[in-house]
């Protein structure tokens, strides 16, 4: 009888642990880009801890992203109907 009680108790604890681990709130570490700033450079804030100028880095990355976006749009235009000139 004691063995059955112990096994039941362990099974209930194990099931509770499994259910509670599945119900946890997702953390930001799972997907760092989902909650980032509009420029997508929030992750660069960690560079401040090492001694880099974060504002300067953020501006440079934003400029690079904008240039990449413009280039992608230009390529899409060329692929859709040729150059629009």
Protein backbone atom coordinates (compact mmCIF):
# COMPACT_ATOMS: atom_id res chain seq x y z
CA UNK A 1 0.00 0.00 0.00
CA UNK A 2 2.84 2.38 0.80
CA UNK A 3 4.44 1.68 -2.58
CA UNK A 4 1.25 2.57 -4.43
CA UNK A 5 0.94 5.79 -2.43
CA UNK A 6 4.54 6.77 -3.19
CA UNK A 7 4.22 6.00 -6.90
CA UNK A 8 0.97 7.98 -7.13
CA UNK A 9 2.54 10.90 -5.30
CA UNK A 10 5.57 10.90 -7.63
CA UNK A 11 3.32 10.65 -10.70
CA UNK A 12 1.24 13.64 -9.56
CA UNK A 13 4.35 15.73 -8.90
CA UNK A 14 5.85 14.79 -12.28
CA UNK A 15 2.61 15.61 -14.13
CA UNK A 16 2.36 18.96 -12.33
CA UNK A 17 5.92 19.84 -13.31
CA UNK A 18 5.26 18.99 -16.95
CA UNK A 19 2.06 21.00 -17.09
CA UNK A 20 3.52 24.02 -15.34
CA UNK A 21 6.60 24.10 -17.57
CA UNK A 22 4.38 24.22 -20.67
CA UNK A 23 2.40 27.16 -19.35
CA UNK A 24 5.33 29.49 -18.74
CA UNK A 25 5.41 32.88 -20.39
CA UNK A 26 7.76 33.15 -23.35
CA UNK A 27 10.86 35.22 -22.65
CA UNK A 28 12.45 37.85 -24.83
CA UNK A 29 15.57 35.71 -25.15
CA UNK A 30 13.68 33.26 -27.33
CA UNK A 31 13.31 35.81 -30.13
CA UNK A 32 15.31 39.00 -29.63
CA UNK A 33 14.04 40.66 -32.81
CA UNK A 34 10.35 40.39 -31.92
CA UNK A 35 10.46 43.11 -29.24
CA UNK A 36 13.21 45.29 -30.62
CA UNK A 37 13.13 48.96 -31.47
CA UNK A 38 11.78 50.13 -34.83
CA UNK A 39 15.30 50.17 -36.21
CA UNK A 40 15.93 46.68 -34.90
CA UNK A 41 19.06 47.75 -33.04
CA UNK A 42 18.02 47.31 -29.41
CA UNK A 43 20.46 44.43 -29.08
CA UNK A 44 23.30 46.91 -29.55
CA UNK A 45 22.63 48.32 -26.09
CA UNK A 46 24.78 45.52 -24.71
CA UNK A 47 27.75 47.05 -26.54
CA UNK A 48 27.63 49.90 -24.02
CA UNK A 49 28.83 47.48 -21.36
CA UNK A 50 32.00 46.86 -23.34
CA UNK A 51 32.67 50.54 -23.92
CA UNK A 52 31.29 51.23 -27.39
CA UNK A 53 29.28 54.33 -28.28
CA UNK A 54 25.80 52.84 -28.64
CA UNK A 55 24.19 55.89 -30.28
CA UNK A 56 26.82 55.91 -32.97
CA UNK A 57 26.53 52.16 -33.57
CA UNK A 58 22.74 52.37 -33.71
CA UNK A 59 22.86 55.20 -36.26
CA UNK A 60 25.31 53.30 -38.46
CA UNK A 61 23.23 50.12 -38.35
CA UNK A 62 20.05 52.06 -39.12
CA UNK A 63 21.74 53.67 -42.14
CA UNK A 64 22.89 50.28 -43.40
CA UNK A 65 19.41 48.80 -42.96
CA UNK A 66 17.81 51.70 -44.83
CA UNK A 67 20.28 51.35 -47.68
CA UNK A 68 19.63 47.61 -47.83
CA UNK A 69 15.87 48.21 -47.91
CA UNK A 70 16.19 50.74 -50.75
CA UNK A 71 18.39 48.33 -52.67
CA UNK A 72 15.87 45.52 -52.19
CA UNK A 73 13.03 47.74 -53.42
CA UNK A 74 15.07 48.69 -56.46
CA UNK A 75 15.75 45.03 -57.23
CA UNK A 76 12.05 44.21 -56.90
CA UNK A 77 11.14 46.97 -59.34
CA UNK A 78 13.68 45.67 -61.84
CA UNK A 79 12.43 42.10 -61.46
CA UNK A 80 8.76 43.07 -61.87
CA UNK A 81 8.84 45.13 -65.02
CA UNK A 82 12.29 46.26 -65.85
CA UNK A 83 13.87 49.59 -64.98
CA UNK A 84 11.37 52.44 -64.56
CA UNK A 85 13.23 55.31 -66.19
